[in-house]
């Protein structure tokens, strides 16, 4: 199974770390990861957005691994950052964990998250390439 990440010439080149489109073959199992916060496994939250962003992506990678997947299986990311925070810190954490991988992505500044201590939240969708099923032809009658 092959995911296809594209940037068609009919629109501008990506302005960041993303692809404009991702095509997922029919029958591929998708994994939806709820918004991850910069909360450590022990329940504590680091103070800075850089530390929180690092924890967010660490959490996402750990959740992917629990399903036998890795960062390159991510097909879509949505990032929510509290307005006024350092978006470059989030970008640095993303690069650390995703490297050159460019899933479809959206980033939004918001006034706040549910808890004022939280500065960034990222949700993800991944495609499980090993569980894609070939298309079945309907029976001939």
N, C-alpha and C. Protein backbone atom coordinates (compact mmCIF):
# COMPACT_ATOMS: atom_id res chain seq x y z
N UNK A 1 0.84 -1.17 0.00
CA UNK A 1 0.00 0.00 0.00
C UNK A 1 0.89 1.23 0.00
N UNK A 2 0.47 2.20 -0.74
CA UNK A 2 1.28 3.39 -0.85
C UNK A 2 0.43 4.63 -0.61
N UNK A 3 0.89 5.46 0.31
CA UNK A 3 0.27 6.76 0.52
C UNK A 3 0.89 7.70 -0.51
N UNK A 4 0.09 8.61 -1.03
CA UNK A 4 0.60 9.55 -2.01
C UNK A 4 0.46 10.97 -1.46
N UNK A 5 1.60 11.61 -1.20
CA UNK A 5 1.65 12.98 -0.71
C UNK A 5 1.94 13.87 -1.92
N UNK A 6 1.05 14.84 -2.22
CA UNK A 6 1.24 15.65 -3.42
C UNK A 6 1.05 17.14 -3.15
N UNK A 7 1.67 17.90 -4.03
CA UNK A 7 1.54 19.36 -4.05
C UNK A 7 1.30 19.76 -5.50
N UNK A 8 0.04 19.63 -5.95
CA UNK A 8 -0.27 19.91 -7.35
C UNK A 8 0.09 21.36 -7.74
N UNK A 9 0.50 21.56 -8.99
CA UNK A 9 0.91 22.89 -9.44
C UNK A 9 -0.26 23.88 -9.58
N UNK A 10 -1.49 23.43 -9.39
CA UNK A 10 -2.66 24.31 -9.52
C UNK A 10 -2.82 25.25 -8.34
N UNK A 11 -2.04 25.04 -7.26
CA UNK A 11 -2.06 25.93 -6.10
C UNK A 11 -0.62 26.27 -5.73
N UNK A 12 -0.44 27.22 -4.83
CA UNK A 12 0.90 27.64 -4.41
C UNK A 12 1.65 26.49 -3.74
N UNK A 13 2.96 26.57 -3.73
CA UNK A 13 3.79 25.59 -3.03
C UNK A 13 3.48 25.68 -1.54
N UNK A 14 3.63 24.59 -0.79
CA UNK A 14 3.39 24.64 0.65
C UNK A 14 4.20 25.74 1.32
N UNK A 15 3.57 26.40 2.28
CA UNK A 15 4.21 27.49 3.01
C UNK A 15 4.85 27.02 4.31
N UNK A 16 4.89 25.72 4.51
CA UNK A 16 5.45 25.18 5.74
C UNK A 16 5.72 23.70 5.60
N UNK A 17 5.64 23.00 6.73
CA UNK A 17 6.00 21.58 6.81
C UNK A 17 4.79 20.69 6.51
N UNK A 18 4.24 20.78 5.31
CA UNK A 18 3.07 19.98 4.99
C UNK A 18 2.99 19.71 3.50
N UNK A 19 2.08 18.79 3.15
CA UNK A 19 1.71 18.54 1.76
C UNK A 19 0.27 19.00 1.60
N UNK A 20 -0.07 19.46 0.41
CA UNK A 20 -1.44 19.92 0.19
C UNK A 20 -2.45 18.77 0.24
N UNK A 21 -2.07 17.62 -0.30
CA UNK A 21 -3.00 16.49 -0.31
C UNK A 21 -2.29 15.19 0.04
N UNK A 22 -3.09 14.26 0.58
CA UNK A 22 -2.61 12.91 0.85
C UNK A 22 -3.70 11.96 0.37
N UNK A 23 -3.32 11.04 -0.49
CA UNK A 23 -4.26 10.04 -1.00
C UNK A 23 -4.00 8.72 -0.28
N UNK A 24 -5.07 8.15 0.28
CA UNK A 24 -4.98 6.90 1.03
C UNK A 24 -5.77 5.84 0.28
N UNK A 25 -5.14 4.73 -0.07
CA UNK A 25 -5.85 3.69 -0.82
C UNK A 25 -7.07 3.14 -0.07
N UNK A 26 -8.06 2.78 -0.84
CA UNK A 26 -9.27 2.18 -0.29
C UNK A 26 -8.90 0.95 0.55
N UNK A 27 -9.60 0.78 1.66
CA UNK A 27 -9.39 -0.38 2.52
C UNK A 27 -8.29 -0.22 3.55
N UNK A 28 -7.65 0.93 3.60
CA UNK A 28 -6.57 1.17 4.56
C UNK A 28 -7.18 1.51 5.92
N UNK A 29 -6.67 0.88 6.96
CA UNK A 29 -7.13 1.18 8.32
C UNK A 29 -6.58 2.53 8.74
N UNK A 30 -7.46 3.38 9.27
CA UNK A 30 -7.05 4.69 9.76
C UNK A 30 -7.06 4.70 11.29
N UNK A 31 -6.09 5.41 11.86
CA UNK A 31 -6.00 5.58 13.31
C UNK A 31 -6.17 7.07 13.60
N UNK A 32 -7.16 7.40 14.42
CA UNK A 32 -7.42 8.78 14.80
C UNK A 32 -6.90 8.99 16.21
N UNK A 33 -5.99 9.95 16.36
CA UNK A 33 -5.37 10.23 17.66
C UNK A 33 -5.96 11.53 18.20
N UNK A 34 -6.58 11.44 19.36
CA UNK A 34 -7.15 12.62 20.00
C UNK A 34 -6.08 13.67 20.24
N UNK A 35 -6.51 14.91 20.40
CA UNK A 35 -5.59 16.00 20.66
C UNK A 35 -4.67 15.68 21.82
N UNK A 36 -3.37 15.75 21.57
CA UNK A 36 -2.38 15.46 22.60
C UNK A 36 -1.83 16.77 23.16
N UNK A 37 -1.69 16.78 24.45
CA UNK A 37 -1.20 17.95 25.18
C UNK A 37 0.22 17.70 25.66
N UNK A 38 0.86 18.73 26.14
CA UNK A 38 2.21 18.59 26.68
C UNK A 38 2.18 18.08 28.11
N UNK A 39 1.44 17.01 28.32
CA UNK A 39 1.32 16.40 29.65
C UNK A 39 2.13 15.12 29.66
N UNK A 40 3.03 15.03 30.62
CA UNK A 40 3.90 13.86 30.75
C UNK A 40 3.10 12.65 31.26
N UNK A 41 3.65 11.44 31.09
CA UNK A 41 2.96 10.24 31.59
C UNK A 41 2.64 10.31 33.10
N UNK A 42 3.43 11.06 33.87
CA UNK A 42 3.15 11.17 35.31
C UNK A 42 2.09 12.24 35.63
N UNK A 43 1.54 12.88 34.57
CA UNK A 43 0.48 13.86 34.76
C UNK A 43 0.95 15.29 34.92
N UNK A 44 2.25 15.52 34.96
CA UNK A 44 2.76 16.88 35.12
C UNK A 44 2.84 17.57 33.75
N UNK A 45 2.77 18.89 33.79
CA UNK A 45 2.83 19.70 32.57
C UNK A 45 4.02 20.64 32.66
N UNK A 46 4.94 20.58 31.69
CA UNK A 46 6.05 21.53 31.68
C UNK A 46 5.52 22.95 31.50
N UNK A 47 6.34 23.93 31.84
CA UNK A 47 5.90 25.33 31.81
C UNK A 47 6.00 25.94 30.43
N UNK A 48 7.08 25.67 29.67
CA UNK A 48 7.30 26.38 28.41
C UNK A 48 6.62 25.66 27.23
N UNK A 49 6.33 26.44 26.19
CA UNK A 49 5.73 25.84 25.00
C UNK A 49 6.71 24.89 24.32
N UNK A 50 8.00 25.17 24.38
CA UNK A 50 9.00 24.27 23.78
C UNK A 50 8.94 22.90 24.44
N UNK A 51 8.91 22.89 25.77
CA UNK A 51 8.84 21.60 26.49
C UNK A 51 7.51 20.91 26.24
N UNK A 52 6.43 21.68 26.23
CA UNK A 52 5.12 21.08 25.98
C UNK A 52 5.03 20.51 24.56
N UNK A 53 5.54 21.24 23.58
CA UNK A 53 5.50 20.76 22.20
C UNK A 53 6.31 19.48 22.06
N UNK A 54 7.46 19.42 22.70
CA UNK A 54 8.26 18.20 22.67
C UNK A 54 7.47 17.03 23.25
N UNK A 55 6.78 17.27 24.36
CA UNK A 55 5.98 16.21 24.99
C UNK A 55 4.80 15.81 24.11
N UNK A 56 4.17 16.79 23.47
CA UNK A 56 3.05 16.50 22.57
C UNK A 56 3.48 15.50 21.50
N UNK A 57 4.58 15.79 20.82
CA UNK A 57 5.02 14.91 19.73
C UNK A 57 5.56 13.59 20.27
N UNK A 58 6.15 13.60 21.45
CA UNK A 58 6.56 12.35 22.09
C UNK A 58 5.34 11.48 22.37
N UNK A 59 4.26 12.10 22.85
CA UNK A 59 3.01 11.36 23.10
C UNK A 59 2.46 10.76 21.81
N UNK A 60 2.45 11.56 20.74
CA UNK A 60 1.92 11.07 19.46
C UNK A 60 2.75 9.89 18.96
N UNK A 61 4.06 10.00 19.02
CA UNK A 61 4.93 8.91 18.57
C UNK A 61 4.69 7.66 19.42
N UNK A 62 4.52 7.82 20.73
CA UNK A 62 4.26 6.68 21.62
C UNK A 62 2.92 6.02 21.27
N UNK A 63 1.90 6.83 21.00
CA UNK A 63 0.59 6.27 20.63
C UNK A 63 0.67 5.54 19.30
N UNK A 64 1.38 6.10 18.35
CA UNK A 64 1.57 5.42 17.06
C UNK A 64 2.26 4.07 17.28
N UNK A 65 3.33 4.07 18.07
CA UNK A 65 4.09 2.84 18.34
C UNK A 65 3.21 1.78 19.00
N UNK A 66 2.27 2.21 19.83
CA UNK A 66 1.38 1.23 20.48
C UNK A 66 0.48 0.52 19.48
N UNK A 67 0.41 1.03 18.26
CA UNK A 67 -0.36 0.41 17.18
C UNK A 67 0.56 -0.11 16.08
N UNK A 68 1.85 -0.18 16.36
CA UNK A 68 2.80 -0.69 15.37
C UNK A 68 3.07 0.29 14.24
N UNK A 69 2.86 1.58 14.49
CA UNK A 69 3.05 2.60 13.47
C UNK A 69 4.17 3.56 13.86
N UNK A 70 4.56 4.39 12.91
CA UNK A 70 5.60 5.39 13.18
C UNK A 70 5.19 6.74 12.62
N UNK A 71 6.01 7.75 12.81
CA UNK A 71 5.69 9.11 12.37
C UNK A 71 5.37 9.23 10.87
N UNK A 72 6.00 8.41 10.03
CA UNK A 72 5.74 8.52 8.59
C UNK A 72 4.38 7.95 8.19
N UNK A 73 3.67 7.37 9.14
CA UNK A 73 2.31 6.89 8.87
C UNK A 73 1.27 7.98 9.11
N UNK A 74 1.69 9.12 9.65
CA UNK A 74 0.77 10.24 9.87
C UNK A 74 0.37 10.82 8.52
N UNK A 75 -0.94 11.00 8.33
CA UNK A 75 -1.42 11.59 7.08
C UNK A 75 -2.01 12.98 7.31
N UNK A 76 -2.38 13.33 8.56
CA UNK A 76 -2.97 14.64 8.84
C UNK A 76 -2.68 15.04 10.27
N UNK A 77 -2.26 16.30 10.44
CA UNK A 77 -2.04 16.90 11.76
C UNK A 77 -2.86 18.17 11.86
N UNK A 78 -3.43 18.40 13.03
CA UNK A 78 -4.07 19.68 13.33
C UNK A 78 -3.45 20.19 14.62
N UNK A 79 -2.89 21.39 14.56
CA UNK A 79 -2.18 21.97 15.70
C UNK A 79 -2.90 23.20 16.19
N UNK A 80 -3.13 23.26 17.49
CA UNK A 80 -3.74 24.41 18.15
C UNK A 80 -2.71 24.99 19.11
N UNK A 81 -2.37 26.27 18.92
CA UNK A 81 -1.42 26.95 19.80
C UNK A 81 -2.09 28.17 20.41
N UNK A 82 -1.81 28.43 21.66
CA UNK A 82 -2.33 29.62 22.31
C UNK A 82 -1.67 30.84 21.67
N UNK A 83 -2.51 31.81 21.29
CA UNK A 83 -2.02 33.03 20.64
C UNK A 83 -0.95 33.70 21.49
N UNK A 84 0.07 34.20 20.82
CA UNK A 84 1.17 34.87 21.51
C UNK A 84 2.31 33.94 21.88
N UNK A 85 2.11 32.63 21.69
CA UNK A 85 3.16 31.66 22.00
C UNK A 85 4.11 31.52 20.81
N UNK A 86 5.24 30.89 21.05
CA UNK A 86 6.29 30.74 20.06
C UNK A 86 6.00 29.57 19.11
N UNK A 87 5.46 29.87 17.94
CA UNK A 87 5.18 28.84 16.96
C UNK A 87 6.44 28.14 16.48
N UNK A 88 7.58 28.82 16.50
CA UNK A 88 8.84 28.19 16.08
C UNK A 88 9.23 27.05 17.02
N UNK A 89 8.86 27.14 18.28
CA UNK A 89 9.16 26.06 19.23
C UNK A 89 8.36 24.80 18.88
N UNK A 90 7.14 25.00 18.44
CA UNK A 90 6.29 23.87 18.03
C UNK A 90 6.86 23.27 16.74
N UNK A 91 7.26 24.13 15.84
CA UNK A 91 7.86 23.68 14.57
C UNK A 91 9.13 22.86 14.84
N UNK A 92 9.95 23.30 15.77
CA UNK A 92 11.19 22.59 16.10
C UNK A 92 10.89 21.19 16.64
N UNK A 93 9.89 21.08 17.50
CA UNK A 93 9.51 19.77 18.05
C UNK A 93 8.97 18.88 16.94
N UNK A 94 8.17 19.45 16.08
CA UNK A 94 7.62 18.68 14.96
C UNK A 94 8.75 18.14 14.08
N UNK A 95 9.72 18.99 13.76
CA UNK A 95 10.86 18.55 12.96
C UNK A 95 11.66 17.46 13.66
N UNK A 96 11.82 17.58 14.97
CA UNK A 96 12.56 16.58 15.74
C UNK A 96 11.92 15.20 15.61
N UNK A 97 10.60 15.14 15.68
CA UNK A 97 9.91 13.84 15.68
C UNK A 97 9.46 13.38 14.29
N UNK A 98 9.17 14.30 13.37
CA UNK A 98 8.69 13.93 12.05
C UNK A 98 9.75 14.04 10.96
N UNK A 99 10.84 14.74 11.25
CA UNK A 99 11.89 14.89 10.25
C UNK A 99 11.35 15.51 8.97
N UNK A 100 11.65 14.87 7.85
CA UNK A 100 11.24 15.42 6.55
C UNK A 100 9.83 15.00 6.14
N UNK A 101 9.13 14.23 6.98
CA UNK A 101 7.77 13.79 6.65
C UNK A 101 6.83 15.00 6.61
N UNK A 102 5.98 15.09 5.58
CA UNK A 102 5.11 16.24 5.38
C UNK A 102 3.65 15.82 5.20
N UNK A 103 2.94 15.49 6.29
CA UNK A 103 1.53 15.16 6.16
C UNK A 103 0.71 16.41 5.85
N UNK A 104 -0.54 16.22 5.46
CA UNK A 104 -1.46 17.35 5.34
C UNK A 104 -1.58 17.95 6.75
N UNK A 105 -1.65 19.28 6.84
CA UNK A 105 -1.59 19.91 8.17
C UNK A 105 -2.38 21.20 8.22
N UNK A 106 -2.85 21.49 9.42
CA UNK A 106 -3.49 22.77 9.72
C UNK A 106 -2.94 23.24 11.06
N UNK A 107 -2.61 24.52 11.16
CA UNK A 107 -2.16 25.11 12.42
C UNK A 107 -3.02 26.34 12.69
N UNK A 108 -3.50 26.45 13.93
CA UNK A 108 -4.41 27.52 14.31
C UNK A 108 -3.98 28.11 15.64
N UNK A 109 -3.98 29.44 15.72
CA UNK A 109 -3.81 30.10 17.01
C UNK A 109 -5.18 30.27 17.64
N UNK A 110 -5.29 29.94 18.93
CA UNK A 110 -6.54 30.05 19.67
C UNK A 110 -6.31 30.93 20.89
N UNK A 111 -7.39 31.44 21.47
CA UNK A 111 -7.23 32.31 22.63
C UNK A 111 -6.76 31.53 23.85
N UNK A 112 -7.23 30.31 24.01
CA UNK A 112 -6.76 29.45 25.10
C UNK A 112 -7.25 28.03 24.88
N UNK A 113 -6.64 27.10 25.59
CA UNK A 113 -7.09 25.72 25.60
C UNK A 113 -7.89 25.52 26.89
N UNK A 114 -8.41 24.33 27.13
CA UNK A 114 -9.30 24.08 28.26
C UNK A 114 -8.66 24.44 29.60
N UNK A 115 -7.38 24.11 29.77
CA UNK A 115 -6.65 24.46 30.99
C UNK A 115 -5.64 25.55 30.62
N UNK A 116 -5.62 26.67 31.34
CA UNK A 116 -4.69 27.75 31.00
C UNK A 116 -3.21 27.35 31.02
N UNK A 117 -2.87 26.25 31.68
CA UNK A 117 -1.48 25.79 31.72
C UNK A 117 -1.07 25.16 30.39
N UNK A 118 -2.04 24.73 29.59
CA UNK A 118 -1.74 24.07 28.32
C UNK A 118 -1.56 25.12 27.23
N UNK A 119 -0.49 24.99 26.46
CA UNK A 119 -0.14 25.99 25.46
C UNK A 119 -0.23 25.48 24.02
N UNK A 120 -0.26 24.16 23.85
CA UNK A 120 -0.31 23.57 22.51
C UNK A 120 -1.02 22.22 22.58
N UNK A 121 -1.79 21.92 21.54
CA UNK A 121 -2.48 20.64 21.42
C UNK A 121 -2.41 20.23 19.96
N UNK A 122 -2.14 18.94 19.71
CA UNK A 122 -2.02 18.43 18.34
C UNK A 122 -2.80 17.13 18.23
N UNK A 123 -3.66 17.07 17.21
CA UNK A 123 -4.35 15.81 16.92
C UNK A 123 -3.80 15.26 15.61
N UNK A 124 -3.92 13.95 15.43
CA UNK A 124 -3.32 13.31 14.26
C UNK A 124 -4.22 12.22 13.71
N UNK A 125 -4.04 11.97 12.43
CA UNK A 125 -4.65 10.81 11.77
C UNK A 125 -3.51 10.07 11.09
N UNK A 126 -3.48 8.76 11.26
CA UNK A 126 -2.43 7.93 10.65
C UNK A 126 -3.09 6.83 9.83
N UNK A 127 -2.35 6.32 8.86
CA UNK A 127 -2.81 5.22 8.01
C UNK A 127 -1.95 4.00 8.28
N UNK A 128 -2.60 2.89 8.59
CA UNK A 128 -1.89 1.66 8.88
C UNK A 128 -1.67 0.91 7.57
N UNK A 129 -0.49 1.08 7.00
CA UNK A 129 -0.19 0.49 5.69
C UNK A 129 -0.23 -1.04 5.72
N UNK A 130 0.08 -1.63 6.86
CA UNK A 130 0.11 -3.10 6.92
C UNK A 130 -1.28 -3.70 6.98
N UNK A 131 -2.29 -2.88 7.25
CA UNK A 131 -3.65 -3.42 7.34
C UNK A 131 -4.52 -2.94 6.19
N UNK A 132 -3.90 -2.62 5.07
CA UNK A 132 -4.72 -2.23 3.94
C UNK A 132 -5.17 -3.51 3.24
N UNK A 133 -6.40 -3.51 2.84
CA UNK A 133 -6.98 -4.68 2.18
C UNK A 133 -7.15 -4.37 0.70
N UNK A 134 -6.79 -5.31 -0.16
CA UNK A 134 -6.99 -5.07 -1.58
C UNK A 134 -8.48 -4.93 -1.89
N UNK A 135 -8.76 -4.14 -2.90
CA UNK A 135 -10.14 -3.93 -3.31
C UNK A 135 -10.73 -5.25 -3.79
N UNK A 136 -11.91 -5.56 -3.31
CA UNK A 136 -12.58 -6.80 -3.71
C UNK A 136 -13.52 -6.50 -4.87
N UNK A 137 -13.44 -7.33 -5.87
CA UNK A 137 -14.38 -7.16 -6.98
C UNK A 137 -15.72 -7.79 -6.60
N UNK A 138 -16.82 -7.14 -7.00
CA UNK A 138 -18.12 -7.75 -6.71
C UNK A 138 -18.27 -9.05 -7.49
N UNK A 139 -19.03 -9.97 -6.96
CA UNK A 139 -19.22 -11.24 -7.68
C UNK A 139 -19.96 -11.00 -9.01
N UNK A 140 -19.61 -11.78 -9.99
CA UNK A 140 -20.30 -11.72 -11.29
C UNK A 140 -21.54 -12.57 -11.18
N UNK A 141 -22.65 -11.97 -11.54
CA UNK A 141 -23.93 -12.71 -11.47
C UNK A 141 -24.32 -13.28 -12.78
